[in-house]
Amino acid sequence: KEREFVAAITGGGTNTYYAYYADSLKGRFSISRDNVKRTVYLQ
């Protein structure tokens, strides 16, 4: 299969981030980031 989008989270260096999800995965998957640890997570 082709590569497909799962989730994304904006950057920008502010404390406000926006998350986006594939419609079929919304509610089961969650994206977050920790800028201190330089890590992004997908639950």
Full PDB file with SEQRES, HELIX, SHEET, SSBOND, CRYST1, ORIGX, SCALE, CONECT and MASTER records, all heavy atoms in Angstrom:
SEQRES   1 A   43  LYS GLU ARG GLU PHE VAL ALA ALA ILE THR GLY GLY GLY          
SEQRES   2 A   43  THR ASN THR TYR TYR ALA TYR TYR ALA ASP SER LEU LYS          
SEQRES   3 A   43  GLY ARG PHE SER ILE SER ARG ASP ASN VAL LYS ARG THR          
SEQRES   4 A   43  VAL TYR LEU GLN                                              
SHEET    1 AA1 2 ALA A   7  ILE A   9  0                                        
SHEET    2 AA1 2 ALA A  19  TYR A  21 -1                                        
SHEET    1 AA2 2 ILE A  31  ASP A  34  0                                        
SHEET    2 AA2 2 THR A  39  LEU A  42 -1                                        
CRYST1    1.000    1.000    1.000  90.00  90.00  90.00 P 1           1          
ORIGX1      1.000000  0.000000  0.000000        0.00000                         
ORIGX2      0.000000  1.000000  0.000000        0.00000                         
ORIGX3      0.000000  0.000000  1.000000        0.00000                         
SCALE1      1.000000  0.000000  0.000000        0.00000                         
SCALE2      0.000000  1.000000  0.000000        0.00000                         
SCALE3      0.000000  0.000000  1.000000        0.00000                         
ATOM      1  N   LYS A   1       0.833  -1.201   0.000  1.00  0.00           N  
ATOM      2  CA  LYS A   1       0.000   0.000   0.000  1.00  0.00           C  
ATOM      3  C   LYS A   1       0.866   1.250   0.000  1.00  0.00           C  
ATOM      4  O   LYS A   1       2.042   1.210   0.327  1.00  0.00           O  
ATOM      5  CB  LYS A   1      -0.922   0.001   1.216  1.00  0.00           C  
ATOM      6  CG  LYS A   1      -1.945  -1.116   1.219  1.00  0.00           C  
ATOM      7  CD  LYS A   1      -2.943  -0.949   2.345  1.00  0.00           C  
ATOM      8  CE  LYS A   1      -4.007  -2.029   2.309  1.00  0.00           C  
ATOM      9  NZ  LYS A   1      -5.003  -1.853   3.396  1.00  0.00           N  
ATOM     10  N   GLU A   2       0.256   2.350  -0.363  1.00  0.00           N  
ATOM     11  CA  GLU A   2       0.964   3.624  -0.348  1.00  0.00           C  
ATOM     12  C   GLU A   2       1.081   4.154   1.084  1.00  0.00           C  
ATOM     13  O   GLU A   2       0.294   3.806   1.963  1.00  0.00           O  
ATOM     14  CB  GLU A   2       0.236   4.637  -1.220  1.00  0.00           C  
ATOM     15  CG  GLU A   2       0.235   4.291  -2.697  1.00  0.00           C  
ATOM     16  CD  GLU A   2      -0.376   5.393  -3.539  1.00  0.00           C  
ATOM     17  OE1 GLU A   2      -0.918   6.349  -2.958  1.00  0.00           O  
ATOM     18  OE2 GLU A   2      -0.308   5.288  -4.768  1.00  0.00           O  
ATOM     19  N   ARG A   3       2.075   5.005   1.267  1.00  0.00           N  
ATOM     20  CA  ARG A   3       2.231   5.642   2.572  1.00  0.00           C  
ATOM     21  C   ARG A   3       1.034   6.555   2.828  1.00  0.00           C  
ATOM     22  O   ARG A   3       0.614   7.297   1.936  1.00  0.00           O  
ATOM     23  CB  ARG A   3       3.530   6.445   2.596  1.00  0.00           C  
ATOM     24  CG  ARG A   3       3.903   6.976   3.955  1.00  0.00           C  
ATOM     25  CD  ARG A   3       5.302   7.573   3.931  1.00  0.00           C  
ATOM     26  NE  ARG A   3       6.310   6.572   3.589  1.00  0.00           N  
ATOM     27  CZ  ARG A   3       7.625   6.795   3.669  1.00  0.00           C  
ATOM     28  NH1 ARG A   3       8.072   7.979   4.065  1.00  0.00           N  
ATOM     29  NH2 ARG A   3       8.489   5.849   3.335  1.00  0.00           N  
ATOM     30  N   GLU A   4       0.495   6.506   4.034  1.00  0.00           N  
ATOM     31  CA  GLU A   4      -0.680   7.311   4.344  1.00  0.00           C  
ATOM     32  C   GLU A   4      -0.466   8.139   5.601  1.00  0.00           C  
ATOM     33  O   GLU A   4       0.284   7.755   6.516  1.00  0.00           O  
ATOM     34  CB  GLU A   4      -1.918   6.422   4.515  1.00  0.00           C  
ATOM     35  CG  GLU A   4      -1.870   5.485   5.703  1.00  0.00           C  
ATOM     36  CD  GLU A   4      -3.201   4.759   5.919  1.00  0.00           C  
ATOM     37  OE1 GLU A   4      -4.209   5.106   5.276  1.00  0.00           O  
ATOM     38  OE2 GLU A   4      -3.224   3.843   6.775  1.00  0.00           O  
ATOM     39  N   PHE A   5      -1.151   9.243   5.626  1.00  0.00           N  
ATOM     40  CA  PHE A   5      -1.084  10.161   6.755  1.00  0.00           C  
ATOM     41  C   PHE A   5      -1.773   9.563   7.973  1.00  0.00           C  
ATOM     42  O   PHE A   5      -2.845   8.964   7.864  1.00  0.00           O  
ATOM     43  CB  PHE A   5      -1.752  11.479   6.369  1.00  0.00           C  
ATOM     44  CG  PHE A   5      -1.947  12.430   7.508  1.00  0.00           C  
ATOM     45  CD1 PHE A   5      -0.881  13.133   8.034  1.00  0.00           C  
ATOM     46  CD2 PHE A   5      -3.212  12.625   8.059  1.00  0.00           C  
ATOM     47  CE1 PHE A   5      -1.053  14.019   9.083  1.00  0.00           C  
ATOM     48  CE2 PHE A   5      -3.408  13.502   9.101  1.00  0.00           C  
ATOM     49  CZ  PHE A   5      -2.328  14.204   9.618  1.00  0.00           C  
ATOM     50  N   VAL A   6      -1.147   9.748   9.137  1.00  0.00           N  
ATOM     51  CA  VAL A   6      -1.726   9.289  10.397  1.00  0.00           C  
ATOM     52  C   VAL A   6      -2.101  10.478  11.279  1.00  0.00           C  
ATOM     53  O   VAL A   6      -3.251  10.637  11.667  1.00  0.00           O  
ATOM     54  CB  VAL A   6      -0.744   8.367  11.150  1.00  0.00           C  
ATOM     55  CG1 VAL A   6      -1.293   8.015  12.533  1.00  0.00           C  
ATOM     56  CG2 VAL A   6      -0.462   7.110  10.345  1.00  0.00           C  
ATOM     57  N   ALA A   7      -1.115  11.312  11.586  1.00  0.00           N  
ATOM     58  CA  ALA A   7      -1.348  12.451  12.478  1.00  0.00           C  
ATOM     59  C   ALA A   7      -0.222  13.458  12.315  1.00  0.00           C  
ATOM     60  O   ALA A   7       0.867  13.115  11.849  1.00  0.00           O  
ATOM     61  CB  ALA A   7      -1.438  11.998  13.933  1.00  0.00           C  
ATOM     62  N   ALA A   8      -0.486  14.691  12.719  1.00  0.00           N  
ATOM     63  CA  ALA A   8       0.535  15.733  12.670  1.00  0.00           C  
ATOM     64  C   ALA A   8       0.271  16.749  13.765  1.00  0.00           C  
ATOM     65  O   ALA A   8      -0.867  16.895  14.224  1.00  0.00           O  
ATOM     66  CB  ALA A   8       0.546  16.415  11.303  1.00  0.00           C  
ATOM     67  N   ILE A   9       1.330  17.432  14.141  1.00  0.00           N  
ATOM     68  CA  ILE A   9       1.217  18.482  15.139  1.00  0.00           C  
ATOM     69  C   ILE A   9       2.104  19.636  14.705  1.00  0.00           C  
ATOM     70  O   ILE A   9       3.237  19.434  14.260  1.00  0.00           O  
ATOM     71  CB  ILE A   9       1.583  17.954  16.544  1.00  0.00           C  
ATOM     72  CG1 ILE A   9       1.295  18.998  17.617  1.00  0.00           C  
ATOM     73  CG2 ILE A   9       3.029  17.479  16.598  1.00  0.00           C  
ATOM     74  CD1 ILE A   9       1.315  18.416  19.033  1.00  0.00           C  
ATOM     75  N   THR A  10       1.570  20.850  14.816  1.00  0.00           N  
ATOM     76  CA  THR A  10       2.312  22.009  14.348  1.00  0.00           C  
ATOM     77  C   THR A  10       3.467  22.338  15.279  1.00  0.00           C  
ATOM     78  O   THR A  10       3.524  21.891  16.422  1.00  0.00           O  
ATOM     79  CB  THR A  10       1.394  23.225  14.236  1.00  0.00           C  
ATOM     80  OG1 THR A  10       0.785  23.457  15.518  1.00  0.00           O  
ATOM     81  CG2 THR A  10       0.321  23.003  13.187  1.00  0.00           C  
ATOM     82  N   GLY A  11       4.378  23.155  14.763  1.00  0.00           N  
ATOM     83  CA  GLY A  11       5.503  23.630  15.551  1.00  0.00           C  
ATOM     84  C   GLY A  11       5.363  25.117  15.764  1.00  0.00           C  
ATOM     85  O   GLY A  11       4.299  25.593  16.122  1.00  0.00           O  
ATOM     86  N   GLY A  12       6.418  25.870  15.522  1.00  0.00           N  
ATOM     87  CA  GLY A  12       6.351  27.324  15.595  1.00  0.00           C  
ATOM     88  C   GLY A  12       6.953  27.909  16.833  1.00  0.00           C  
ATOM     89  O   GLY A  12       7.110  29.114  16.942  1.00  0.00           O  
ATOM     90  N   GLY A  13       7.278  27.073  17.823  1.00  0.00           N  
ATOM     91  CA  GLY A  13       7.948  27.577  19.007  1.00  0.00           C  
ATOM     92  C   GLY A  13       7.060  28.269  20.004  1.00  0.00           C  
ATOM     93  O   GLY A  13       7.539  28.818  20.998  1.00  0.00           O  
ATOM     94  N   THR A  14       5.760  28.273  19.779  1.00  0.00           N  
ATOM     95  CA  THR A  14       4.839  28.851  20.764  1.00  0.00           C  
ATOM     96  C   THR A  14       4.303  27.745  21.658  1.00  0.00           C  
ATOM     97  O   THR A  14       4.637  26.584  21.487  1.00  0.00           O  
ATOM     98  CB  THR A  14       3.666  29.555  20.074  1.00  0.00           C  
ATOM     99  OG1 THR A  14       2.851  28.564  19.456  1.00  0.00           O  
ATOM    100  CG2 THR A  14       4.160  30.527  19.026  1.00  0.00           C  
ATOM    101  N   ASN A  15       3.482  28.094  22.601  1.00  0.00           N  
ATOM    102  CA  ASN A  15       2.881  27.089  23.476  1.00  0.00           C  
ATOM    103  C   ASN A  15       1.551  26.577  22.956  1.00  0.00           C  
ATOM    104  O   ASN A  15       0.878  25.809  23.638  1.00  0.00           O  
ATOM    105  CB  ASN A  15       2.701  27.660  24.879  1.00  0.00           C  
ATOM    106  CG  ASN A  15       4.030  27.867  25.569  1.00  0.00           C  
ATOM    107  OD1 ASN A  15       4.973  27.115  25.371  1.00  0.00           O  
ATOM    108  ND2 ASN A  15       4.121  28.914  26.378  1.00  0.00           N  
ATOM    109  N   THR A  16       1.175  27.014  21.778  1.00  0.00           N  
ATOM    110  CA  THR A  16      -0.089  26.569  21.179  1.00  0.00           C  
ATOM    111  C   THR A  16       0.219  25.704  19.973  1.00  0.00           C  
ATOM    112  O   THR A  16       0.907  26.138  19.047  1.00  0.00           O  
ATOM    113  CB  THR A  16      -0.950  27.758  20.754  1.00  0.00           C  
ATOM    114  OG1 THR A  16      -1.222  28.574  21.899  1.00  0.00           O  
ATOM    115  CG2 THR A  16      -2.251  27.273  20.154  1.00  0.00           C  
ATOM    116  N   TYR A  17      -0.270  24.480  20.023  1.00  0.00           N  
ATOM    117  CA  TYR A  17      -0.049  23.547  18.935  1.00  0.00           C  
ATOM    118  C   TYR A  17      -1.387  23.023  18.442  1.00  0.00           C  
ATOM    119  O   TYR A  17      -2.335  22.895  19.203  1.00  0.00           O  
ATOM    120  CB  TYR A  17       0.829  22.387  19.405  1.00  0.00           C  
ATOM    121  CG  TYR A  17       2.164  22.837  19.936  1.00  0.00           C  
ATOM    122  CD1 TYR A  17       2.385  22.986  21.300  1.00  0.00           C  
ATOM    123  CD2 TYR A  17       3.195  23.145  19.064  1.00  0.00           C  
ATOM    124  CE1 TYR A  17       3.601  23.427  21.776  1.00  0.00           C  
ATOM    125  CE2 TYR A  17       4.418  23.590  19.536  1.00  0.00           C  
ATOM    126  CZ  TYR A  17       4.613  23.726  20.895  1.00  0.00           C  
ATOM    127  OH  TYR A  17       5.822  24.165  21.369  1.00  0.00           O  
ATOM    128  N   TYR A  18      -1.414  22.727  17.173  1.00  0.00           N  
ATOM    129  CA  TYR A  18      -2.617  22.177  16.559  1.00  0.00           C  
ATOM    130  C   TYR A  18      -2.321  20.774  16.067  1.00  0.00           C  
ATOM    131  O   TYR A  18      -1.291  20.532  15.442  1.00  0.00           O  
ATOM    132  CB  TYR A  18      -3.074  23.076  15.417  1.00  0.00           C  
ATOM    133  CG  TYR A  18      -3.447  24.460  15.884  1.00  0.00           C  
ATOM    134  CD1 TYR A  18      -2.524  25.500  15.846  1.00  0.00           C  
ATOM    135  CD2 TYR A  18      -4.719  24.732  16.399  1.00  0.00           C  
ATOM    136  CE1 TYR A  18      -2.849  26.778  16.298  1.00  0.00           C  
ATOM    137  CE2 TYR A  18      -5.056  25.999  16.843  1.00  0.00           C  
ATOM    138  CZ  TYR A  18      -4.114  27.009  16.791  1.00  0.00           C  
ATOM    139  OH  TYR A  18      -4.445  28.257  17.244  1.00  0.00           O  
ATOM    140  N   ALA A  19      -3.240  19.889  16.340  1.00  0.00           N  
ATOM    141  CA  ALA A  19      -3.082  18.499  15.945  1.00  0.00           C  
ATOM    142  C   ALA A  19      -4.081  18.155  14.855  1.00  0.00           C  
ATOM    143  O   ALA A  19      -5.212  18.648  14.853  1.00  0.00           O  
ATOM    144  CB  ALA A  19      -3.264  17.574  17.138  1.00  0.00           C  
ATOM    145  N   TYR A  20      -3.650  17.297  13.957  1.00  0.00           N  
ATOM    146  CA  TYR A  20      -4.489  16.838  12.852  1.00  0.00           C  
ATOM    147  C   TYR A  20      -4.414  15.320  12.790  1.00  0.00           C  
ATOM    148  O   TYR A  20      -3.356  14.741  13.043  1.00  0.00           O  
ATOM    149  CB  TYR A  20      -4.011  17.442  11.528  1.00  0.00           C  
ATOM    150  CG  TYR A  20      -3.962  18.951  11.538  1.00  0.00           C  
ATOM    151  CD1 TYR A  20      -2.813  19.635  11.916  1.00  0.00           C  
ATOM    152  CD2 TYR A  20      -5.089  19.695  11.192  1.00  0.00           C  
ATOM    153  CE1 TYR A  20      -2.774  21.022  11.948  1.00  0.00           C  
ATOM    154  CE2 TYR A  20      -5.052  21.080  11.214  1.00  0.00           C  
ATOM    155  CZ  TYR A  20      -3.886  21.736  11.596  1.00  0.00           C  
ATOM    156  OH  TYR A  20      -3.862  23.106  11.621  1.00  0.00           O  
ATOM    157  N   TYR A  21      -5.522  14.718  12.416  1.00  0.00           N  
ATOM    158  CA  TYR A  21      -5.584  13.265  12.365  1.00  0.00           C  
ATOM    159  C   TYR A  21      -6.257  12.798  11.088  1.00  0.00           C  
ATOM    160  O   TYR A  21      -7.136  13.476  10.549  1.00  0.00           O  
ATOM    161  CB  TYR A  21      -6.375  12.720  13.563  1.00  0.00           C  
ATOM    162  CG  TYR A  21      -5.758  13.044  14.894  1.00  0.00           C  
ATOM    163  CD1 TYR A  21      -6.146  14.167  15.611  1.00  0.00           C  
ATOM    164  CD2 TYR A  21      -4.762  12.231  15.422  1.00  0.00           C  
ATOM    165  CE1 TYR A  21      -5.563  14.478  16.823  1.00  0.00           C  
ATOM    166  CE2 TYR A  21      -4.174  12.536  16.647  1.00  0.00           C  
ATOM    167  CZ  TYR A  21      -4.578  13.659  17.333  1.00  0.00           C  
ATOM    168  OH  TYR A  21      -3.997  13.966  18.545  1.00  0.00           O  
ATOM    169  N   ALA A  22      -5.857  11.620  10.668  1.00  0.00           N  
ATOM    170  CA  ALA A  22      -6.622  10.958   9.616  1.00  0.00           C  
ATOM    171  C   ALA A  22      -8.008  10.688  10.161  1.00  0.00           C  
ATOM    172  O   ALA A  22      -8.167  10.264  11.316  1.00  0.00           O  
ATOM    173  CB  ALA A  22      -5.925   9.655   9.217  1.00  0.00           C  
ATOM    174  N   ASP A  23      -9.021  10.938   9.351  1.00  0.00           N  
ATOM    175  CA  ASP A  23     -10.402  10.806   9.831  1.00  0.00           C  
ATOM    176  C   ASP A  23     -10.682   9.419  10.388  1.00  0.00           C  
ATOM    177  O   ASP A  23     -11.379   9.271  11.392  1.00  0.00           O  
ATOM    178  CB  ASP A  23     -11.370  11.112   8.691  1.00  0.00           C  
ATOM    179  CG  ASP A  23     -11.362  12.582   8.309  1.00  0.00           C  
ATOM    180  OD1 ASP A  23     -10.893  13.407   9.119  1.00  0.00           O  
ATOM    181  OD2 ASP A  23     -11.823  12.900   7.199  1.00  0.00           O  
ATOM    182  N   SER A  24     -10.111   8.414   9.763  1.00  0.00           N  
ATOM    183  CA  SER A  24     -10.406   7.037  10.177  1.00  0.00           C  
ATOM    184  C   SER A  24      -9.741   6.680  11.501  1.00  0.00           C  
ATOM    185  O   SER A  24     -10.093   5.669  12.113  1.00  0.00           O  
ATOM    186  CB  SER A  24      -9.938   6.065   9.097  1.00  0.00           C  
ATOM    187  OG  SER A  24      -8.534   6.176   8.910  1.00  0.00           O  
ATOM    188  N   LEU A  25      -8.779   7.485  11.953  1.00  0.00           N  
ATOM    189  CA  LEU A  25      -8.034   7.168  13.164  1.00  0.00           C  
ATOM    190  C   LEU A  25      -8.373   8.089  14.333  1.00  0.00           C  
ATOM    191  O   LEU A  25      -7.951   7.832  15.471  1.00  0.00           O  
ATOM    192  CB  LEU A  25      -6.534   7.264  12.885  1.00  0.00           C  
ATOM    193  CG  LEU A  25      -6.002   6.358  11.786  1.00  0.00           C  
ATOM    194  CD1 LEU A  25      -4.528   6.619  11.548  1.00  0.00           C  
ATOM    195  CD2 LEU A  25      -6.244   4.899  12.122  1.00  0.00           C  
ATOM    196  N   LYS A  26      -9.114   9.129  14.044  1.00  0.00           N  
ATOM    197  CA  LYS A  26      -9.464  10.080  15.089  1.00  0.00           C  
ATOM    198  C   LYS A  26     -10.209   9.362  16.207  1.00  0.00           C  
ATOM    199  O   LYS A  26     -11.128   8.596  15.967  1.00  0.00           O  
ATOM    200  CB  LYS A  26     -10.329  11.190  14.497  1.00  0.00           C  
ATOM    201  CG  LYS A  26     -10.397  12.443  15.336  1.00  0.00           C  
ATOM    202  CD  LYS A  26     -11.201  13.519  14.607  1.00  0.00           C  
ATOM    203  CE  LYS A  26     -10.572  13.914  13.294  1.00  0.00           C  
ATOM    204  NZ  LYS A  26     -11.313  15.013  12.635  1.00  0.00           N  
ATOM    205  N   GLY A  27      -9.791   9.625  17.444  1.00  0.00           N  
ATOM    206  CA  GLY A  27     -10.418   8.990  18.596  1.00  0.00           C  
ATOM    207  C   GLY A  27      -9.633   7.808  19.133  1.00  0.00           C  
ATOM    208  O   GLY A  27      -9.744   7.471  20.305  1.00  0.00           O  
ATOM    209  N   ARG A  28      -8.824   7.177  18.267  1.00  0.00           N  
ATOM    210  CA  ARG A  28      -7.998   6.061  18.726  1.00  0.00           C  
ATOM    211  C   ARG A  28      -6.534   6.461  18.865  1.00  0.00           C  
ATOM    212  O   ARG A  28      -5.822   5.935  19.718  1.00  0.00           O  
ATOM    213  CB  ARG A  28      -8.085   4.880  17.767  1.00  0.00           C  
ATOM    214  CG  ARG A  28      -9.410   4.161  17.758  1.00  0.00           C  
ATOM    215  CD  ARG A  28      -9.292   2.785  17.121  1.00  0.00           C  
ATOM    216  NE  ARG A  28      -8.841   2.846  15.737  1.00  0.00           N  
ATOM    217  CZ  ARG A  28      -7.773   2.192  15.280  1.00  0.00           C  
ATOM    218  NH1 ARG A  28      -7.024   1.462  16.088  1.00  0.00           N  
ATOM    219  NH2 ARG A  28      -7.455   2.273  13.993  1.00  0.00           N  
ATOM    220  N   PHE A  29      -6.081   7.367  18.006  1.00  0.00           N  
ATOM    221  CA  PHE A  29      -4.681   7.793  18.005  1.00  0.00           C  
ATOM    222  C   PHE A  29      -4.580   9.219  18.525  1.00  0.00           C  
ATOM    223  O   PHE A  29      -5.461  10.042  18.300  1.00  0.00           O  
ATOM    224  CB  PHE A  29      -4.109   7.729  16.599  1.00  0.00           C  
ATOM    225  CG  PHE A  29      -3.853   6.327  16.079  1.00  0.00           C  
ATOM    226  CD1 PHE A  29      -4.455   5.220  16.653  1.00  0.00           C  
ATOM    227  CD2 PHE A  29      -3.012   6.132  15.004  1.00  0.00           C  
ATOM    228  CE1 PHE A  29      -4.222   3.948  16.166  1.00  0.00           C  
ATOM    229  CE2 PHE A  29      -2.768   4.862  14.502  1.00  0.00           C  
ATOM    230  CZ  PHE A  29      -3.378   3.760  15.088  1.00  0.00           C  
ATOM    231  N   SER A  30      -3.470   9.503  19.186  1.00  0.00           N  
ATOM    232  CA  SER A  30      -3.247  10.837  19.723  1.00  0.00           C  
ATOM    233  C   SER A  30      -1.781  11.219  19.561  1.00  0.00           C  
ATOM    234  O   SER A  30      -0.889  10.435  19.911  1.00  0.00           O  
ATOM    235  CB  SER A  30      -3.637  10.884  21.202  1.00  0.00           C  
ATOM    236  OG  SER A  30      -3.367  12.152  21.754  1.00  0.00           O  
ATOM    237  N   ILE A  31      -1.535  12.412  19.048  1.00  0.00           N  
ATOM    238  CA  ILE A  31      -0.177  12.895  18.855  1.00  0.00           C  
ATOM    239  C   ILE A  31       0.137  13.974  19.883  1.00  0.00           C  
ATOM    240  O   ILE A  31      -0.733  14.772  20.249  1.00  0.00           O  
ATOM    241  CB  ILE A  31       0.030  13.433  17.419  1.00  0.00           C  
ATOM    242  CG1 ILE A  31       1.506  13.731  17.145  1.00  0.00           C  
ATOM    243  CG2 ILE A  31      -0.851  14.647  17.156  1.00  0.00           C  
ATOM    244  CD1 ILE A  31       1.790  14.051  15.675  1.00  0.00           C  
ATOM    245  N   SER A  32       1.368  13.975  20.352  1.00  0.00           N  
ATOM    246  CA  SER A  32       1.808  15.002  21.291  1.00  0.00           C  
ATOM    247  C   SER A  32       3.303  15.226  21.103  1.00  0.00           C  
ATOM    248  O   SER A  32       3.967  14.434  20.432  1.00  0.00           O  
ATOM    249  CB  SER A  32       1.502  14.593  22.739  1.00  0.00           C  
ATOM    250  OG  SER A  32       2.187  13.399  23.076  1.00  0.00           O  
ATOM    251  N   ARG A  33       3.801  16.307  21.689  1.00  0.00           N  
ATOM    252  CA  ARG A  33       5.225  16.594  21.565  1.00  0.00           C  
ATOM    253  C   ARG A  33       5.771  17.131  22.872  1.00  0.00           C  
ATOM    254  O   ARG A  33       5.058  17.765  23.645  1.00  0.00           O  
ATOM    255  CB  ARG A  33       5.478  17.587  20.429  1.00  0.00           C  
ATOM    256  CG  ARG A  33       4.899  18.969  20.625  1.00  0.00           C  
ATOM    257  CD  ARG A  33       5.043  19.811  19.336  1.00  0.00           C  
ATOM    258  NE  ARG A  33       6.443  19.972  18.961  1.00  0.00           N  
ATOM    259  CZ  ARG A  33       6.828  20.264  17.714  1.00  0.00           C  
ATOM    260  NH1 ARG A  33       5.942  20.406  16.761  1.00  0.00           N  
ATOM    261  NH2 ARG A  33       8.118  20.403  17.444  1.00  0.00           N  
ATOM    262  N   ASP A  34       7.041  16.870  23.105  1.00  0.00           N  
ATOM    263  CA  ASP A  34       7.758  17.396  24.253  1.00  0.00           C  
ATOM    264  C   ASP A  34       8.998  18.086  23.697  1.00  0.00           C  
ATOM    265  O   ASP A  34       9.966  17.423  23.304  1.00  0.00           O  
ATOM    266  CB  ASP A  34       8.144  16.259  25.205  1.00  0.00           C  
ATOM    267  CG  ASP A  34       8.802  16.751  26.486  1.00  0.00           C  
ATOM    268  OD1 ASP A  34       9.468  17.810  26.440  1.00  0.00           O  
ATOM    269  OD2 ASP A  34       8.682  16.075  27.511  1.00  0.00           O  
ATOM    270  N   ASN A  35       8.965  19.398  23.642  1.00  0.00           N  
ATOM    271  CA  ASN A  35      10.064  20.129  23.015  1.00  0.00           C  
ATOM    272  C   ASN A  35      11.342  20.079  23.839  1.00  0.00           C  
ATOM    273  O   ASN A  35      12.437  20.193  23.289  1.00  0.00           O  
ATOM    274  CB  ASN A  35       9.662  21.579  22.774  1.00  0.00           C  
ATOM    275  CG  ASN A  35       8.624  21.704  21.673  1.00  0.00           C  
ATOM    276  OD1 ASN A  35       8.530  20.841  20.797  1.00  0.00           O  
ATOM    277  ND2 ASN A  35       7.852  22.773  21.723  1.00  0.00           N  
ATOM    278  N   VAL A  36      11.222  19.907  25.143  1.00  0.00           N  
ATOM    279  CA  VAL A  36      12.422  19.792  25.977  1.00  0.00           C  
ATOM    280  C   VAL A  36      13.158  18.495  25.640  1.00  0.00           C  
ATOM    281  O   VAL A  36      14.383  18.468  25.525  1.00  0.00           O  
ATOM    282  CB  VAL A  36      12.064  19.852  27.464  1.00  0.00           C  
ATOM    283  CG1 VAL A  36      13.287  19.577  28.328  1.00  0.00           C  
ATOM    284  CG2 VAL A  36      11.450  21.212  27.801  1.00  0.00           C  
ATOM    285  N   LYS A  37      12.399  17.430  25.481  1.00  0.00           N  
ATOM    286  CA  LYS A  37      12.989  16.132  25.139  1.00  0.00           C  
ATOM    287  C   LYS A  37      13.196  15.959  23.638  1.00  0.00           C  
ATOM    288  O   LYS A  37      13.733  14.939  23.207  1.00  0.00           O  
ATOM    289  CB  LYS A  37      12.110  15.003  25.668  1.00  0.00           C  
ATOM    290  CG  LYS A  37      12.020  14.956  27.179  1.00  0.00           C  
ATOM    291  CD  LYS A  37      11.181  13.777  27.635  1.00  0.00           C  
ATOM    292  CE  LYS A  37      11.134  13.704  29.158  1.00  0.00           C  
ATOM    293  NZ  LYS A  37      10.292  12.563  29.621  1.00  0.00           N  
ATOM    294  N   ARG A  38      12.727  16.937  22.856  1.00  0.00           N  
ATOM    295  CA  ARG A  38      12.851  16.854  21.391  1.00  0.00           C  
ATOM    296  C   ARG A  38      12.240  15.565  20.872  1.00  0.00           C  
ATOM    297  O   ARG A  38      12.835  14.852  20.045  1.00  0.00           O  
ATOM    298  CB  ARG A  38      14.312  16.970  20.958  1.00  0.00           C  
ATOM    299  CG  ARG A  38      14.961  18.285  21.320  1.00  0.00           C  
ATOM    300  CD  ARG A  38      16.418  18.293  20.964  1.00  0.00           C  
ATOM    301  NE  ARG A  38      17.090  19.469  21.469  1.00  0.00           N  
ATOM    302  CZ  ARG A  38      18.410  19.613  21.482  1.00  0.00           C  
ATOM    303  NH1 ARG A  38      19.183  18.659  21.020  1.00  0.00           N  
ATOM    304  NH2 ARG A  38      18.943  20.719  21.967  1.00  0.00           N  
ATOM    305  N   THR A  39      11.058  15.283  21.351  1.00  0.00           N  
ATOM    306  CA  THR A  39      10.406  14.019  21.023  1.00  0.00           C  
ATOM    307  C   THR A  39       8.945  14.263  20.694  1.00  0.00           C  
ATOM    308  O   THR A  39       8.285  15.074  21.349  1.00  0.00           O  
ATOM    309  CB  THR A  39      10.530  13.034  22.194  1.00  0.00           C  
ATOM    310  OG1 THR A  39      11.917  12.798  22.472  1.00  0.00           O  
ATOM    311  CG2 THR A  39       9.863  11.704  21.861  1.00  0.00           C  
ATOM    312  N   VAL A  40       8.471  13.552  19.723  1.00  0.00           N  
ATOM    313  CA  VAL A  40       7.047  13.540  19.403  1.00  0.00           C  
ATOM    314  C   VAL A  40       6.536  12.118  19.616  1.00  0.00           C  
ATOM    315  O   VAL A  40       7.259  11.147  19.386  1.00  0.00           O  
ATOM    316  CB  VAL A  40       6.785  14.032  17.959  1.00  0.00           C  
ATOM    317  CG1 VAL A  40       7.428  13.104  16.934  1.00  0.00           C  
ATOM    318  CG2 VAL A  40       5.302  14.189  17.709  1.00  0.00           C  
ATOM    319  N   TYR A  41       5.305  12.025  20.099  1.00  0.00           N  
ATOM    320  CA  TYR A  41       4.731  10.741  20.463  1.00  0.00           C  
ATOM    321  C   TYR A  41       3.475  10.471  19.642  1.00  0.00           C  
ATOM    322  O   TYR A  41       2.768  11.387  19.231  1.00  0.00           O  
ATOM    323  CB  TYR A  41       4.368  10.723  21.946  1.00  0.00           C  
ATOM    324  CG  TYR A  41       5.525  11.017  22.866  1.00  0.00           C  
ATOM    325  CD1 TYR A  41       5.709  12.302  23.382  1.00  0.00           C  
ATOM    326  CD2 TYR A  41       6.422  10.029  23.223  1.00  0.00           C  
ATOM    327  CE1 TYR A  41       6.762  12.588  24.230  1.00  0.00           C  
ATOM    328  CE2 TYR A  41       7.482  10.299  24.078  1.00  0.00           C  
ATOM    329  CZ  TYR A  41       7.652  11.586  24.576  1.00  0.00           C  
ATOM    330  OH  TYR A  41       8.703  11.864  25.418  1.00  0.00           O  
ATOM    331  N   LEU A  42       3.214   9.193  19.465  1.00  0.00           N  
ATOM    332  CA  LEU A  42       1.952   8.766  18.875  1.00  0.00           C  
ATOM    333  C   LEU A  42       1.378   7.682  19.775  1.00  0.00           C  
ATOM    334  O   LEU A  42       1.908   6.571  19.833  1.00  0.00           O  
ATOM    335  CB  LEU A  42       2.145   8.230  17.461  1.00  0.00           C  
ATOM    336  CG  LEU A  42       0.861   7.818  16.749  1.00  0.00           C  
ATOM    337  CD1 LEU A  42       0.004   9.058  16.440  1.00  0.00           C  
ATOM    338  CD2 LEU A  42       1.143   7.053  15.470  1.00  0.00           C  
ATOM    339  N   GLN A  43       0.330   8.033  20.495  1.00  0.00           N  
ATOM    340  CA  GLN A  43      -0.360   7.064  21.346  1.00  0.00           C  
ATOM    341  C   GLN A  43      -1.424   6.373  20.506  1.00  0.00           C  
ATOM    342  O   GLN A  43      -2.283   7.034  19.926  1.00  0.00           O  
ATOM    343  CB  GLN A  43      -1.004   7.778  22.536  1.00  0.00           C  
ATOM    344  CG  GLN A  43      -1.792   6.866  23.456  1.00  0.00           C  
ATOM    345  CD  GLN A  43      -0.907   5.874  24.188  1.00  0.00           C  
ATOM    346  OE1 GLN A  43       0.157   6.229  24.686  1.00  0.00           O  
ATOM    347  NE2 GLN A  43      -1.346   4.621  24.271  1.00  0.00           N  
TER     348      GLN A  43                                                      
MASTER        0    0    0    0    4    0    0    6  347    1    0    4          
END                                                                             
